C-alpha atoms as a PDB file:
ATOM      1  CA  MET A   1      -0.071  -0.054  -0.047  1.00  0.00           C
ATOM      2  CA  SER A   2       1.605   3.384  -1.049  1.00  0.00           C
ATOM      3  CA  GLU A   3       1.684   6.527   1.200  1.00  0.00           C
ATOM      4  CA  ALA A   4      -0.589   8.265  -1.277  1.00  0.00           C
ATOM      5  CA  SER A   5      -3.308   5.623  -0.672  1.00  0.00           C
ATOM      6  CA  THR A   6      -6.805   6.853   0.129  1.00  0.00           C
ATOM      7  CA  ASP A   7      -7.278   4.127   2.813  1.00  0.00           C
ATOM      8  CA  HIS A   8      -7.900   5.425   6.204  1.00  0.00           C
ATOM      9  CA  LEU A   9      -5.247   4.857   8.903  1.00  0.00           C
ATOM     10  CA  ALA A  10      -6.258   3.445  12.347  1.00  0.00           C
ATOM     11  CA  CYS A  11      -5.319   5.551  15.225  1.00  0.00           C
ATOM     12  CA  THR A  12      -2.807   3.256  16.501  1.00  0.00           C
ATOM     13  CA  GLU A  13      -0.973   3.412  13.122  1.00  0.00           C
ATOM     14  CA  ALA A  14      -1.428   7.164  12.948  1.00  0.00           C
ATOM     15  CA  VAL A  15       0.204   7.742  16.325  1.00  0.00           C
ATOM     16  CA  GLU A  16       3.100   5.434  15.446  1.00  0.00           C
ATOM     17  CA  ARG A  17       3.642   7.442  12.250  1.00  0.00           C
ATOM     18  CA  LEU A  18       3.271  10.761  13.991  1.00  0.00           C
ATOM     19  CA  TRP A  19       6.058   9.917  16.560  1.00  0.00           C
ATOM     20  CA  LYS A  20       8.240   8.447  13.812  1.00  0.00           C
ATOM     21  CA  LEU A  21       8.008  11.640  11.778  1.00  0.00           C
ATOM     22  CA  LEU A  22       8.611  13.842  14.941  1.00  0.00           C
ATOM     23  CA  ASP A  23      11.555  11.609  15.868  1.00  0.00           C
ATOM     24  CA  ALA A  24      13.088  12.057  12.314  1.00  0.00           C
ATOM     25  CA  ASP A  25      12.263  15.859  12.615  1.00  0.00           C
ATOM     26  CA  ARG A  26      10.282  15.594   9.246  1.00  0.00           C
ATOM     27  CA  PRO A  27       7.153  17.568   8.445  1.00  0.00           C
ATOM     28  CA  LEU A  28       3.816  15.980   8.934  1.00  0.00           C
ATOM     29  CA  HIS A  29       2.868  16.476   5.171  1.00  0.00           C
ATOM     30  CA  ASP A  30       5.794  14.014   4.325  1.00  0.00           C
ATOM     31  CA  ASP A  31       2.922  11.498   5.162  1.00  0.00           C
ATOM     32  CA  GLU A  32      -0.200  12.115   3.168  1.00  0.00           C
ATOM     33  CA  ARG A  33      -2.221   9.351   4.952  1.00  0.00           C
ATOM     34  CA  LEU A  34      -1.391  10.731   8.322  1.00  0.00           C
ATOM     35  CA  SER A  35      -2.174  14.362   7.433  1.00  0.00           C
ATOM     36  CA  ALA A  36      -5.467  13.119   6.224  1.00  0.00           C
ATOM     37  CA  HIS A  37      -6.223  11.259   9.383  1.00  0.00           C
ATOM     38  CA  LEU A  38      -5.171  14.303  11.507  1.00  0.00           C
ATOM     39  CA  ALA A  39      -7.592  16.529   9.317  1.00  0.00           C
ATOM     40  CA  TRP A  40     -10.541  14.790  11.152  1.00  0.00           C
ATOM     41  CA  CYS A  41      -9.479  12.841  14.117  1.00  0.00           C
ATOM     42  CA  LEU A  42      -9.704  14.800  17.389  1.00  0.00           C
ATOM     43  CA  ARG A  43      -8.113  12.186  19.359  1.00  0.00           C
ATOM     44  CA  CYS A  44      -4.916  12.116  17.286  1.00  0.00           C
ATOM     45  CA  CYS A  45      -4.891  15.895  16.995  1.00  0.00           C
ATOM     46  CA  GLY A  46      -4.575  15.848  20.795  1.00  0.00           C
ATOM     47  CA  GLU A  47      -1.575  13.721  20.515  1.00  0.00           C
ATOM     48  CA  LEU A  48      -0.024  16.006  18.072  1.00  0.00           C
ATOM     49  CA  GLU A  49      -0.712  18.924  20.139  1.00  0.00           C
ATOM     50  CA  PHE A  50       0.910  17.016  23.105  1.00  0.00           C
ATOM     51  CA  ALA A  51       3.858  15.916  21.104  1.00  0.00           C
ATOM     52  CA  GLU A  52       4.572  19.512  19.856  1.00  0.00           C
ATOM     53  CA  HIS A  53       4.346  20.857  23.346  1.00  0.00           C
ATOM     54  CA  LEU A  54       6.547  18.231  24.739  1.00  0.00           C
ATOM     55  CA  ARG A  55       9.062  18.912  21.867  1.00  0.00           C
ATOM     56  CA  ALA A  56       9.040  22.571  22.647  1.00  0.00           C
ATOM     57  CA  MET A  57       9.536  22.047  26.293  1.00  0.00           C
ATOM     58  CA  LEU A  58      12.511  19.757  25.697  1.00  0.00           C
ATOM     59  CA  ARG A  59      13.965  22.319  23.201  1.00  0.00           C
ATOM     60  CA  GLU A  60      13.659  24.909  25.963  1.00  0.00           C
ATOM     61  CA  ARG A  61      15.182  23.034  28.725  1.00  0.00           C
ATOM     62  CA  GLY A  62      17.801  21.163  26.713  1.00  0.00           C
ATOM     63  CA  ARG A  63      18.173  17.134  26.936  1.00  0.00           C
ATOM     64  CA  VAL A  64      16.350  16.060  29.897  1.00  0.00           C
ATOM     65  CA  ALA A  65      15.445  12.361  30.531  1.00  0.00           C
ATOM     66  CA  ILE A  66      11.751  11.737  30.754  1.00  0.00           C
ATOM     67  CA  PRO A  67      10.674  10.612  34.304  1.00  0.00           C
ATOM     68  CA  SER A  68       9.528   7.132  34.521  1.00  0.00           C
ATOM     69  CA  GLU A  69       6.012   8.118  35.637  1.00  0.00           C
ATOM     70  CA  VAL A  70       5.695  10.290  32.501  1.00  0.00           C
ATOM     71  CA  HIS A  71       6.934   7.488  30.309  1.00  0.00           C
ATOM     72  CA  ALA A  72       4.483   5.016  32.024  1.00  0.00           C
ATOM     73  CA  ARG A  73       1.650   7.489  31.310  1.00  0.00           C
ATOM     74  CA  LEU A  74       2.532   7.784  27.592  1.00  0.00           C
ATOM     75  CA  GLU A  75       2.643   3.976  27.437  1.00  0.00           C
ATOM     76  CA  ALA A  76      -0.737   3.911  28.895  1.00  0.00           C
ATOM     77  CA  VAL A  77      -2.171   6.316  26.317  1.00  0.00           C
ATOM     78  CA  ILE A  78      -0.720   4.326  23.615  1.00  0.00           C
ATOM     79  CA  ASP A  79      -2.143   1.012  25.005  1.00  0.00           C
ATOM     80  CA  GLU A  80      -5.745   2.758  25.460  1.00  0.00           C
ATOM     81  CA  LEU A  81      -5.590   3.938  21.847  1.00  0.00           C
ATOM     82  CA  ALA A  82      -4.682   0.326  20.648  1.00  0.00           C
ATOM     83  CA  ASP A  83      -7.674  -1.107  22.842  1.00  0.00           C
ATOM     84  CA  ASP A  84     -10.174   1.503  21.444  1.00  0.00           C
ATOM     85  CA  ASP A  85      -9.162   1.747  17.831  1.00  0.00           C
ATOM     86  CA  PRO A  86     -11.474   0.352  15.144  1.00  0.00           C
ATOM     87  CA  GLU A  87      -9.861  -1.690  12.476  1.00  0.00           C
ATOM     88  CA  VAL A  88     -11.577   0.108   9.678  1.00  0.00           C
ATOM     89  CA  ILE A  89     -12.620   3.858   9.810  1.00  0.00           C
ATOM     90  CA  GLY A  90     -15.119   4.761   7.218  1.00  0.00           C
END
């Protein structure tokens, strides 16, 4: 399946792609399917807003290790998305 595919992304895949793009410091428009998903999914837009805020905070404060309780909360959010995510969005 190509990146330009019109198939909808599931939230878990969208979040994975979002974090991979942010980790690689690439713009979101590099992934058309992710951009299309974020255009309508409020839940994943919240994830994007959180990620952008986290990145800005880390840039301002330098390289800081993420506290274990914050890491655990992030893992819980990802697990919740995986539990709640429909296989096909249409």
